[in-house]
PDB file of N, CA and C in Angstrom:
ATOM      1  N   MET A   1       0.828  -1.130  -0.060  1.00  0.00           N
ATOM      2  CA  MET A   1       0.482   0.303   0.105  1.00  0.00           C
ATOM      3  C   MET A   1       1.168   1.155  -0.106  1.00  0.00           C
ATOM      4  N   LYS A   2       0.324   2.173  -0.589  1.00  0.00           N
ATOM      5  CA  LYS A   2       1.239   3.394  -0.556  1.00  0.00           C
ATOM      6  C   LYS A   2       0.835   4.374   0.157  1.00  0.00           C
ATOM      7  N   ARG A   3       1.747   4.900   0.750  1.00  0.00           N
ATOM      8  CA  ARG A   3       1.594   5.877   1.455  1.00  0.00           C
ATOM      9  C   ARG A   3       1.447   7.478   1.338  1.00  0.00           C
ATOM     10  N   ALA A   4       0.328   8.204   1.498  1.00  0.00           N
ATOM     11  CA  ALA A   4      -0.135   9.067   1.225  1.00  0.00           C
ATOM     12  C   ALA A   4       1.046  10.360   1.802  1.00  0.00           C
ATOM     13  N   ARG A   5       1.210  10.925   0.857  1.00  0.00           N
ATOM     14  CA  ARG A   5       1.977  12.351   0.865  1.00  0.00           C
ATOM     15  C   ARG A   5       1.657  13.242   1.729  1.00  0.00           C
ATOM     16  N   ARG A   6       2.403  13.670   2.896  1.00  0.00           N
ATOM     17  CA  ARG A   6       1.301  14.391   3.845  1.00  0.00           C
ATOM     18  C   ARG A   6       1.546  16.000   3.364  1.00  0.00           C
ATOM     19  N   THR A   7       0.359  16.853   3.973  1.00  0.00           N
ATOM     20  CA  THR A   7       0.162  18.245   3.326  1.00  0.00           C
ATOM     21  C   THR A   7       0.142  19.271   4.249  1.00  0.00           C
ATOM     22  N   THR A   8       0.799  20.448   4.188  1.00  0.00           N
ATOM     23  CA  THR A   8       0.987  21.327   4.984  1.00  0.00           C
ATOM     24  C   THR A   8      -0.230  22.046   4.789  1.00  0.00           C
ATOM     25  N   PRO A   9      -0.457  22.492   5.934  1.00  0.00           N
ATOM     26  CA  PRO A   9      -1.311  23.437   6.642  1.00  0.00           C
ATOM     27  C   PRO A   9      -1.469  24.637   4.937  1.00  0.00           C
ATOM     28  N   ASP A  10      -0.559  25.280   4.634  1.00  0.00           N
ATOM     29  CA  ASP A  10      -0.439  26.104   4.038  1.00  0.00           C
ATOM     30  C   ASP A  10      -0.774  25.332   2.285  1.00  0.00           C
ATOM     31  N   GLU A  11      -0.250  24.342   1.996  1.00  0.00           N
ATOM     32  CA  GLU A  11      -0.827  23.901   1.274  1.00  0.00           C
ATOM     33  C   GLU A  11      -2.341  23.717   0.918  1.00  0.00           C
ATOM     34  N   ALA A  12      -3.083  23.809   1.824  1.00  0.00           N
ATOM     35  CA  ALA A  12      -4.406  23.428   1.578  1.00  0.00           C
ATOM     36  C   ALA A  12      -5.164  24.662   2.027  1.00  0.00           C
ATOM     37  N   SER A  13      -4.820  26.002   1.852  1.00  0.00           N
ATOM     38  CA  SER A  13      -4.902  27.326   2.304  1.00  0.00           C
ATOM     39  C   SER A  13      -5.555  27.567   1.209  1.00  0.00           C
ATOM     40  N   LEU A  14      -7.277  28.993   1.580  1.00  0.00           N
ATOM     41  CA  LEU A  14      -8.141  28.915   0.993  1.00  0.00           C
ATOM     42  C   LEU A  14      -7.585  30.411  -0.437  1.00  0.00           C
ATOM     43  N   GLY A  15      -6.463  30.694  -0.194  1.00  0.00           N
ATOM     44  CA  GLY A  15      -5.949  31.349  -0.751  1.00  0.00           C
ATOM     45  C   GLY A  15      -4.942  30.979  -2.013  1.00  0.00           C
ATOM     46  N   GLY A  16      -5.080  29.956  -1.872  1.00  0.00           N
ATOM     47  CA  GLY A  16      -4.162  28.849  -3.091  1.00  0.00           C
ATOM     48  C   GLY A  16      -5.461  28.367  -4.227  1.00  0.00           C
ATOM     49  N   VAL A  17      -4.868  28.483  -5.580  1.00  0.00           N
ATOM     50  CA  VAL A  17      -5.624  28.162  -6.569  1.00  0.00           C
ATOM     51  C   VAL A  17      -5.098  26.653  -6.870  1.00  0.00           C
ATOM     52  N   PHE A  18      -5.844  25.744  -7.457  1.00  0.00           N
ATOM     53  CA  PHE A  18      -5.150  24.379  -7.808  1.00  0.00           C
ATOM     54  C   PHE A  18      -6.413  23.910  -8.942  1.00  0.00           C
ATOM     55  N   ALA A  19      -5.551  23.271  -9.762  1.00  0.00           N
ATOM     56  CA  ALA A  19      -5.879  22.720 -11.213  1.00  0.00           C
ATOM     57  C   ALA A  19      -6.008  21.251 -10.803  1.00  0.00           C
ATOM     58  N   ARG A  20      -6.823  20.519 -11.227  1.00  0.00           N
ATOM     59  CA  ARG A  20      -7.453  19.345 -11.650  1.00  0.00           C
ATOM     60  C   ARG A  20      -6.279  18.209 -12.177  1.00  0.00           C
ATOM     61  N   SER A  21      -5.484  17.069 -11.990  1.00  0.00           N
ATOM     62  CA  SER A  21      -4.228  16.873 -12.784  1.00  0.00           C
ATOM     63  C   SER A  21      -4.681  16.070 -13.943  1.00  0.00           C
ATOM     64  N   ASP A  22      -3.729  16.172 -14.485  1.00  0.00           N
ATOM     65  CA  ASP A  22      -4.151  15.578 -16.321  1.00  0.00           C
ATOM     66  C   ASP A  22      -3.885  14.008 -16.142  1.00  0.00           C
ATOM     67  N   ARG A  23      -3.316  13.716 -14.659  1.00  0.00           N
ATOM     68  CA  ARG A  23      -3.300  12.356 -14.718  1.00  0.00           C
ATOM     69  C   ARG A  23      -4.786  11.709 -13.394  1.00  0.00           C
ATOM     70  N   MET A  24      -5.618  12.291 -13.328  1.00  0.00           N
ATOM     71  CA  MET A  24      -6.776  11.687 -12.557  1.00  0.00           C
ATOM     72  C   MET A  24      -8.046  12.289 -13.718  1.00  0.00           C
ATOM     73  N   VAL A  25      -8.947  11.218 -14.314  1.00  0.00           N
ATOM     74  CA  VAL A  25     -10.232  11.868 -14.819  1.00  0.00           C
ATOM     75  C   VAL A  25     -11.360  11.965 -14.090  1.00  0.00           C
ATOM     76  N   GLY A  26     -12.155  12.623 -14.031  1.00  0.00           N
ATOM     77  CA  GLY A  26     -13.544  12.835 -12.739  1.00  0.00           C
ATOM     78  C   GLY A  26     -14.606  12.323 -14.591  1.00  0.00           C
ATOM     79  N   ARG A  27     -15.895  11.304 -13.920  1.00  0.00           N
ATOM     80  CA  ARG A  27     -16.527  11.179 -14.407  1.00  0.00           C
ATOM     81  C   ARG A  27     -17.983  10.860 -13.954  1.00  0.00           C
ATOM     82  N   ARG A  28     -19.199  10.966 -14.326  1.00  0.00           N
ATOM     83  CA  ARG A  28     -20.048  10.489 -13.666  1.00  0.00           C
ATOM     84  C   ARG A  28     -20.682   9.321 -14.597  1.00  0.00           C
ATOM     85  N   ILE A  29     -20.667   8.350 -13.793  1.00  0.00           N
ATOM     86  CA  ILE A  29     -21.409   6.960 -13.830  1.00  0.00           C
ATOM     87  C   ILE A  29     -22.424   6.640 -13.644  1.00  0.00           C
ATOM     88  N   ALA A  30     -23.602   6.063 -14.257  1.00  0.00           N
ATOM     89  CA  ALA A  30     -24.909   6.088 -13.382  1.00  0.00           C
ATOM     90  C   ALA A  30     -25.085   5.937 -12.236  1.00  0.00           C
ATOM     91  N   GLY A  31     -24.893   7.848 -12.081  1.00  0.00           N
ATOM     92  CA  GLY A  31     -25.280   8.714 -11.053  1.00  0.00           C
ATOM     93  C   GLY A  31     -24.727   8.776 -10.026  1.00  0.00           C
ATOM     94  N   GLU A  32     -23.249   8.057  -9.940  1.00  0.00           N
ATOM     95  CA  GLU A  32     -22.025   8.518  -9.631  1.00  0.00           C
ATOM     96  C   GLU A  32     -21.177   9.073  -9.876  1.00  0.00           C
ATOM     97  N   PHE A  33     -20.404   9.739  -9.355  1.00  0.00           N
ATOM     98  CA  PHE A  33     -18.976  10.767  -9.835  1.00  0.00           C
ATOM     99  C   PHE A  33     -17.870   9.967  -8.876  1.00  0.00           C
ATOM    100  N   VAL A  34     -16.866   9.620 -10.391  1.00  0.00           N
ATOM    101  CA  VAL A  34     -16.258   8.600 -10.110  1.00  0.00           C
ATOM    102  C   VAL A  34     -14.559   9.678 -10.601  1.00  0.00           C
ATOM    103  N   LEU A  35     -13.323   9.629  -9.419  1.00  0.00           N
ATOM    104  CA  LEU A  35     -11.988  10.112 -10.209  1.00  0.00           C
ATOM    105  C   LEU A  35     -11.376   8.337 -10.486  1.00  0.00           C
ATOM    106  N   VAL A  36     -10.890   8.686 -11.795  1.00  0.00           N
ATOM    107  CA  VAL A  36     -10.186   7.624 -11.905  1.00  0.00           C
ATOM    108  C   VAL A  36      -8.744   7.621 -12.625  1.00  0.00           C
ATOM    109  N   PRO A  37      -8.061   7.524 -11.652  1.00  0.00           N
ATOM    110  CA  PRO A  37      -6.516   7.366 -11.923  1.00  0.00           C
ATOM    111  C   PRO A  37      -6.126   6.962 -13.840  1.00  0.00           C
ATOM    112  N   ILE A  38      -5.175   7.824 -14.520  1.00  0.00           N
ATOM    113  CA  ILE A  38      -4.915   7.363 -15.705  1.00  0.00           C
ATOM    114  C   ILE A  38      -3.792   7.048 -15.174  1.00  0.00           C
ATOM    115  N   VAL A  39      -3.283   5.344 -16.011  1.00  0.00           N
ATOM    116  CA  VAL A  39      -1.893   5.006 -16.099  1.00  0.00           C
ATOM    117  C   VAL A  39      -1.346   4.692 -17.118  1.00  0.00           C
ATOM    118  N   GLY A  40      -0.225   4.467 -16.984  1.00  0.00           N
ATOM    119  CA  GLY A  40       0.878   4.300 -18.106  1.00  0.00           C
ATOM    120  C   GLY A  40       1.103   2.590 -18.462  1.00  0.00           C
ATOM    121  N   HIS A  41       1.793   2.189 -19.112  1.00  0.00           N
ATOM    122  CA  HIS A  41       2.352   1.166 -19.506  1.00  0.00           C
ATOM    123  C   HIS A  41       3.045   0.526 -18.242  1.00  0.00           C
ATOM    124  N   GLY A  42       2.230  -0.748 -17.539  1.00  0.00           N
ATOM    125  CA  GLY A  42       3.010  -1.522 -16.645  1.00  0.00           C
ATOM    126  C   GLY A  42       2.737  -1.583 -15.601  1.00  0.00           C
ATOM    127  N   ALA A  43       1.671   0.112 -15.518  1.00  0.00           N
ATOM    128  CA  ALA A  43       0.998   0.329 -14.127  1.00  0.00           C
ATOM    129  C   ALA A  43      -0.071   0.049 -13.643  1.00  0.00           C
ATOM    130  N   GLN A  44      -0.617  -0.572 -12.347  1.00  0.00           N
ATOM    131  CA  GLN A  44      -2.012  -0.400 -11.840  1.00  0.00           C
ATOM    132  C   GLN A  44      -2.373   0.350 -11.541  1.00  0.00           C
ATOM    133  N   VAL A  45      -3.945   0.379 -11.562  1.00  0.00           N
ATOM    134  CA  VAL A  45      -4.784   1.496 -10.994  1.00  0.00           C
ATOM    135  C   VAL A  45      -5.241   0.815  -9.240  1.00  0.00           C
ATOM    136  N   ASP A  46      -4.546   1.755  -8.839  1.00  0.00           N
ATOM    137  CA  ASP A  46      -4.520   1.606  -7.329  1.00  0.00           C
ATOM    138  C   ASP A  46      -5.754   1.617  -6.798  1.00  0.00           C
ATOM    139  N   ALA A  47      -6.661   3.000  -7.190  1.00  0.00           N
ATOM    140  CA  ALA A  47      -8.018   3.120  -6.737  1.00  0.00           C
ATOM    141  C   ALA A  47      -8.592   4.081  -7.650  1.00  0.00           C
ATOM    142  N   ILE A  48     -10.445   3.771  -7.447  1.00  0.00           N
ATOM    143  CA  ILE A  48     -11.244   4.371  -7.968  1.00  0.00           C
ATOM    144  C   ILE A  48     -11.851   5.053  -6.936  1.00  0.00           C
ATOM    145  N   TYR A  49     -12.188   6.795  -6.783  1.00  0.00           N
ATOM    146  CA  TYR A  49     -12.265   7.293  -5.791  1.00  0.00           C
ATOM    147  C   TYR A  49     -14.150   7.571  -6.190  1.00  0.00           C
ATOM    148  N   ASN A  50     -14.893   7.374  -5.310  1.00  0.00           N
ATOM    149  CA  ASN A  50     -15.821   7.763  -5.125  1.00  0.00           C
ATOM    150  C   ASN A  50     -16.330   9.089  -4.742  1.00  0.00           C
ATOM    151  N   LEU A  51     -16.898  10.369  -5.366  1.00  0.00           N
ATOM    152  CA  LEU A  51     -16.925  11.614  -4.784  1.00  0.00           C
ATOM    153  C   LEU A  51     -18.624  11.519  -4.161  1.00  0.00           C
ATOM    154  N   ASN A  52     -18.973  11.921  -3.083  1.00  0.00           N
ATOM    155  CA  ASN A  52     -20.393  12.657  -3.276  1.00  0.00           C
ATOM    156  C   ASN A  52     -20.621  14.001  -3.716  1.00  0.00           C
ATOM    157  N   ARG A  53     -21.595  14.040  -3.835  1.00  0.00           N
ATOM    158  CA  ARG A  53     -22.309  15.482  -4.474  1.00  0.00           C
ATOM    159  C   ARG A  53     -21.519  16.616  -4.304  1.00  0.00           C
ATOM    160  N   VAL A  54     -20.949  16.979  -3.282  1.00  0.00           N
ATOM    161  CA  VAL A  54     -20.401  18.125  -2.800  1.00  0.00           C
ATOM    162  C   VAL A  54     -19.077  17.959  -2.815  1.00  0.00           C
ATOM    163  N   GLY A  55     -18.523  16.841  -3.036  1.00  0.00           N
ATOM    164  CA  GLY A  55     -17.143  16.807  -3.747  1.00  0.00           C
ATOM    165  C   GLY A  55     -16.833  17.034  -4.974  1.00  0.00           C
ATOM    166  N   ALA A  56     -18.084  16.002  -6.066  1.00  0.00           N
ATOM    167  CA  ALA A  56     -18.119  16.382  -7.400  1.00  0.00           C
ATOM    168  C   ALA A  56     -18.058  17.900  -7.739  1.00  0.00           C
ATOM    169  N   PHE A  57     -18.938  18.493  -6.917  1.00  0.00           N
ATOM    170  CA  PHE A  57     -18.885  19.359  -7.572  1.00  0.00           C
ATOM    171  C   PHE A  57     -17.837  20.577  -7.098  1.00  0.00           C
ATOM    172  N   ALA A  58     -17.094  20.460  -6.366  1.00  0.00           N
ATOM    173  CA  ALA A  58     -15.647  21.274  -5.589  1.00  0.00           C
ATOM    174  C   ALA A  58     -14.814  20.925  -6.344  1.00  0.00           C
ATOM    175  N   TRP A  59     -14.515  19.507  -7.046  1.00  0.00           N
ATOM    176  CA  TRP A  59     -13.737  18.864  -8.076  1.00  0.00           C
ATOM    177  C   TRP A  59     -14.169  19.615  -9.502  1.00  0.00           C
ATOM    178  N   GLU A  60     -14.820  19.686  -9.706  1.00  0.00           N
ATOM    179  CA  GLU A  60     -15.651  20.892 -11.076  1.00  0.00           C
ATOM    180  C   GLU A  60     -14.910  22.185 -10.750  1.00  0.00           C
ATOM    181  N   GLN A  61     -14.915  22.662  -9.436  1.00  0.00           N
ATOM    182  CA  GLN A  61     -14.518  24.034  -9.214  1.00  0.00           C
ATOM    183  C   GLN A  61     -12.890  24.136  -9.509  1.00  0.00           C
ATOM    184  N   LEU A  62     -12.125  23.284  -9.045  1.00  0.00           N
ATOM    185  CA  LEU A  62     -10.855  22.841  -9.394  1.00  0.00           C
ATOM    186  C   LEU A  62     -10.126  23.214 -10.567  1.00  0.00           C
ATOM    187  N   ASP A  63     -10.533  24.575 -11.711  1.00  0.00           N
ATOM    188  CA  ASP A  63     -10.358  24.364 -12.696  1.00  0.00           C
ATOM    189  C   ASP A  63      -8.904  25.091 -12.974  1.00  0.00           C
ATOM    190  N   GLY A  64      -7.750  25.323 -11.600  1.00  0.00           N
ATOM    191  CA  GLY A  64      -7.050  26.284 -12.242  1.00  0.00           C
ATOM    192  C   GLY A  64      -7.193  27.729 -12.524  1.00  0.00           C
ATOM    193  N   SER A  65      -8.403  28.323 -12.180  1.00  0.00           N
ATOM    194  CA  SER A  65      -8.876  30.029 -11.735  1.00  0.00           C
ATOM    195  C   SER A  65      -9.383  30.256 -11.074  1.00  0.00           C
ATOM    196  N   ARG A  66      -9.780  29.683  -9.838  1.00  0.00           N
ATOM    197  CA  ARG A  66     -11.056  29.726  -8.325  1.00  0.00           C
ATOM    198  C   ARG A  66      -9.840  29.465  -7.706  1.00  0.00           C
ATOM    199  N   SER A  67     -10.116  30.214  -6.368  1.00  0.00           N
ATOM    200  CA  SER A  67      -9.161  30.337  -5.363  1.00  0.00           C
ATOM    201  C   SER A  67     -10.020  29.491  -4.079  1.00  0.00           C
ATOM    202  N   GLY A  68      -9.559  29.013  -3.353  1.00  0.00           N
ATOM    203  CA  GLY A  68      -9.772  27.807  -2.285  1.00  0.00           C
ATOM    204  C   GLY A  68     -11.421  29.062  -1.742  1.00  0.00           C
ATOM    205  N   GLU A  69     -10.954  30.216  -1.526  1.00  0.00           N
ATOM    206  CA  GLU A  69     -12.306  30.839  -1.111  1.00  0.00           C
ATOM    207  C   GLU A  69     -13.226  31.615  -2.194  1.00  0.00           C
ATOM    208  N   ARG A  70     -13.171  31.553  -3.757  1.00  0.00           N
ATOM    209  CA  ARG A  70     -14.370  31.147  -4.148  1.00  0.00           C
ATOM    210  C   ARG A  70     -14.921  30.048  -4.131  1.00  0.00           C
ATOM    211  N   ILE A  71     -14.497  29.130  -4.060  1.00  0.00           N
ATOM    212  CA  ILE A  71     -14.731  27.356  -4.403  1.00  0.00           C
ATOM    213  C   ILE A  71     -15.466  27.610  -2.992  1.00  0.00           C
ATOM    214  N   VAL A  72     -15.084  28.157  -1.798  1.00  0.00           N
ATOM    215  CA  VAL A  72     -15.702  27.661  -0.684  1.00  0.00           C
ATOM    216  C   VAL A  72     -17.123  28.464  -0.876  1.00  0.00           C
ATOM    217  N   GLU A  73     -17.303  30.254  -1.179  1.00  0.00           N
ATOM    218  CA  GLU A  73     -18.527  30.671  -1.337  1.00  0.00           C
ATOM    219  C   GLU A  73     -19.146  30.104  -2.513  1.00  0.00           C
ATOM    220  N   ALA A  74     -19.032  29.159  -3.172  1.00  0.00           N
ATOM    221  CA  ALA A  74     -19.773  28.670  -4.216  1.00  0.00           C
ATOM    222  C   ALA A  74     -20.220  27.447  -3.733  1.00  0.00           C
ATOM    223  N   LEU A  75     -19.814  27.016  -2.542  1.00  0.00           N
ATOM    224  CA  LEU A  75     -19.957  25.377  -2.013  1.00  0.00           C
ATOM    225  C   LEU A  75     -21.422  26.169  -1.042  1.00  0.00           C
ATOM    226  N   VAL A  76     -21.128  27.281  -0.218  1.00  0.00           N
ATOM    227  CA  VAL A  76     -22.398  27.971   0.872  1.00  0.00           C
ATOM    228  C   VAL A  76     -23.383  28.338   0.086  1.00  0.00           C
ATOM    229  N   ALA A  77     -23.655  28.813  -1.589  1.00  0.00           N
ATOM    230  CA  ALA A  77     -24.320  29.275  -1.954  1.00  0.00           C
ATOM    231  C   ALA A  77     -24.878  28.095  -2.554  1.00  0.00           C
ATOM    232  N   HIS A  78     -24.452  27.229  -3.071  1.00  0.00           N
ATOM    233  CA  HIS A  78     -24.975  25.781  -3.787  1.00  0.00           C
ATOM    234  C   HIS A  78     -25.897  24.786  -2.866  1.00  0.00           C
ATOM    235  N   PHE A  79     -24.804  24.533  -1.565  1.00  0.00           N
ATOM    236  CA  PHE A  79     -25.405  23.646  -0.550  1.00  0.00           C
ATOM    237  C   PHE A  79     -26.449  24.671   0.769  1.00  0.00           C
ATOM    238  N   ALA A  80     -27.102  23.732   1.366  1.00  0.00           N
ATOM    239  CA  ALA A  80     -27.115  24.278   2.436  1.00  0.00           C
ATOM    240  C   ALA A  80     -25.898  23.927   3.866  1.00  0.00           C
ATOM    241  N   VAL A  81     -25.166  24.812   3.709  1.00  0.00           N
ATOM    242  CA  VAL A  81     -24.071  24.380   4.915  1.00  0.00           C
ATOM    243  C   VAL A  81     -23.486  26.205   4.738  1.00  0.00           C
ATOM    244  N   ASP A  82     -23.027  26.271   6.633  1.00  0.00           N
ATOM    245  CA  ASP A  82     -22.477  27.525   6.745  1.00  0.00           C
ATOM    246  C   ASP A  82     -21.057  27.428   6.696  1.00  0.00           C
ATOM    247  N   ARG A  83     -20.804  28.760   6.586  1.00  0.00           N
ATOM    248  CA  ARG A  83     -19.228  29.170   5.757  1.00  0.00           C
ATOM    249  C   ARG A  83     -18.249  27.895   6.957  1.00  0.00           C
ATOM    250  N   PRO A  84     -18.537  28.066   7.952  1.00  0.00           N
ATOM    251  CA  PRO A  84     -17.173  27.455   8.790  1.00  0.00           C
ATOM    252  C   PRO A  84     -16.903  25.977   8.548  1.00  0.00           C
ATOM    253  N   THR A  85     -18.516  25.357   8.091  1.00  0.00           N
ATOM    254  CA  THR A  85     -18.163  24.007   7.564  1.00  0.00           C
ATOM    255  C   THR A  85     -18.060  23.905   6.462  1.00  0.00           C
ATOM    256  N   ALA A  86     -18.221  24.858   5.688  1.00  0.00           N
ATOM    257  CA  ALA A  86     -17.826  24.549   3.927  1.00  0.00           C
ATOM    258  C   ALA A  86     -16.152  24.756   4.339  1.00  0.00           C
ATOM    259  N   GLU A  87     -15.528  25.596   4.595  1.00  0.00           N
ATOM    260  CA  GLU A  87     -14.038  25.910   4.834  1.00  0.00           C
ATOM    261  C   GLU A  87     -13.087  24.432   5.134  1.00  0.00           C
ATOM    262  N   ALA A  88     -13.687  24.046   6.403  1.00  0.00           N
ATOM    263  CA  ALA A  88     -13.107  22.918   6.926  1.00  0.00           C
ATOM    264  C   ALA A  88     -13.219  21.565   5.674  1.00  0.00           C
ATOM    265  N   ASP A  89     -14.661  21.612   5.192  1.00  0.00           N
ATOM    266  CA  ASP A  89     -14.924  20.253   4.222  1.00  0.00           C
ATOM    267  C   ASP A  89     -13.433  20.670   3.380  1.00  0.00           C
ATOM    268  N   TYR A  90     -13.776  21.684   2.655  1.00  0.00           N
ATOM    269  CA  TYR A  90     -12.440  21.841   1.030  1.00  0.00           C
ATOM    270  C   TYR A  90     -11.479  21.970   1.924  1.00  0.00           C
ATOM    271  N   ARG A  91     -11.154  22.117   3.154  1.00  0.00           N
ATOM    272  CA  ARG A  91      -9.435  22.248   3.205  1.00  0.00           C
ATOM    273  C   ARG A  91      -9.147  20.772   3.182  1.00  0.00           C
ATOM    274  N   VAL A  92     -10.168  19.771   3.959  1.00  0.00           N
ATOM    275  CA  VAL A  92     -10.127  18.701   3.979  1.00  0.00           C
ATOM    276  C   VAL A  92     -10.181  17.858   2.501  1.00  0.00           C
ATOM    277  N   PHE A  93     -11.016  18.091   1.919  1.00  0.00           N
ATOM    278  CA  PHE A  93     -11.202  17.404   0.828  1.00  0.00           C
ATOM    279  C   PHE A  93      -9.874  18.101  -0.286  1.00  0.00           C
ATOM    280  N   LEU A  94      -9.509  19.168  -0.405  1.00  0.00           N
ATOM    281  CA  LEU A  94      -8.497  19.887  -1.112  1.00  0.00           C
ATOM    282  C   LEU A  94      -6.617  19.003  -0.331  1.00  0.00           C
ATOM    283  N   SER A  95      -6.709  18.440   0.644  1.00  0.00           N
ATOM    284  CA  SER A  95      -6.037  17.941   1.475  1.00  0.00           C
ATOM    285  C   SER A  95      -5.512  16.198   0.498  1.00  0.00           C
ATOM    286  N   LYS A  96      -6.634  15.530   0.936  1.00  0.00           N
ATOM    287  CA  LYS A  96      -7.051  14.404   0.058  1.00  0.00           C
ATOM    288  C   LYS A  96      -6.539  14.584  -1.303  1.00  0.00           C
ATOM    289  N   LEU A  97      -7.207  15.428  -1.915  1.00  0.00           N
ATOM    290  CA  LEU A  97      -6.273  15.035  -3.545  1.00  0.00           C
ATOM    291  C   LEU A  97      -5.529  15.629  -3.501  1.00  0.00           C
ATOM    292  N   LEU A  98      -4.892  16.711  -2.832  1.00  0.00           N
ATOM    293  CA  LEU A  98      -3.205  16.261  -2.838  1.00  0.00           C
ATOM    294  C   LEU A  98      -2.523  15.412  -2.268  1.00  0.00           C
ATOM    295  N   ALA A  99      -2.849  14.776  -1.461  1.00  0.00           N
ATOM    296  CA  ALA A  99      -2.394  13.268  -1.227  1.00  0.00           C
ATOM    297  C   ALA A  99      -2.079  12.203  -2.568  1.00  0.00           C
ATOM    298  N   ILE A 100      -2.833  12.234  -3.483  1.00  0.00           N
ATOM    299  CA  ILE A 100      -2.920  11.448  -4.330  1.00  0.00           C
ATOM    300  C   ILE A 100      -2.693  11.863  -5.450  1.00  0.00           C
ATOM    301  N   HIS A 101      -2.456  13.241  -5.047  1.00  0.00           N
ATOM    302  CA  HIS A 101      -1.566  13.722  -6.732  1.00  0.00           C
ATOM    303  C   HIS A 101      -2.565  14.161  -7.752  1.00  0.00           C
ATOM    304  N   ALA A 102      -4.394  14.160  -7.289  1.00  0.00           N
ATOM    305  CA  ALA A 102      -5.274  14.450  -7.953  1.00  0.00           C
ATOM    306  C   ALA A 102      -5.176  16.190  -8.453  1.00  0.00           C
ATOM    307  N   VAL A 103      -4.425  16.926  -7.866  1.00  0.00           N
ATOM    308  CA  VAL A 103      -4.709  18.109  -8.353  1.00  0.00           C
ATOM    309  C   VAL A 103      -3.126  18.815  -7.836  1.00  0.00           C
ATOM    310  N   SER A 104      -2.804  19.749  -8.472  1.00  0.00           N
ATOM    311  CA  SER A 104      -1.444  20.611  -8.135  1.00  0.00           C
ATOM    312  C   SER A 104      -1.721  22.004  -7.946  1.00  0.00           C
ATOM    313  N   ARG A 105      -0.926  22.785  -7.525  1.00  0.00           N
ATOM    314  CA  ARG A 105      -1.027  24.289  -7.077  1.00  0.00           C
ATOM    315  C   ARG A 105      -0.453  24.978  -8.539  1.00  0.00           C
ATOM    316  N   VAL A 106      -1.515  26.334  -8.778  1.00  0.00           N
ATOM    317  CA  VAL A 106      -1.431  26.743  -9.869  1.00  0.00           C
ATOM    318  C   VAL A 106      -0.413  27.942 -10.022  1.00  0.00           C
ATOM    319  N   GLY A 107       0.561  28.263 -10.360  1.00  0.00           N
ATOM    320  CA  GLY A 107       1.462  29.295 -10.154  1.00  0.00           C
ATOM    321  C   GLY A 107       2.553  29.011  -9.293  1.00  0.00           C
TER     322      GLY A 107
END
């Protein structure tokens, strides 16, 4: 089993702008949203990640142009969630994405 890379609090800051990795594809399949790693020759898929609707929404926002602050604002506007909860959830989600190399910081 691979060990996940530790994410520093600064990496998951709300001021950061992140983009989805070319190594990961997100797709809606039969009502579910999944992230699938793209593999090269000889590599094996370690996991397929299933996202809930909040995670899928946040994933789609990570386009390399929006800061975490703007994504949190979109989460608050789109879902019945208060700002502190949206911030905490976004930071945890982003940390997990960074650990599996699904996103990278822009700039």
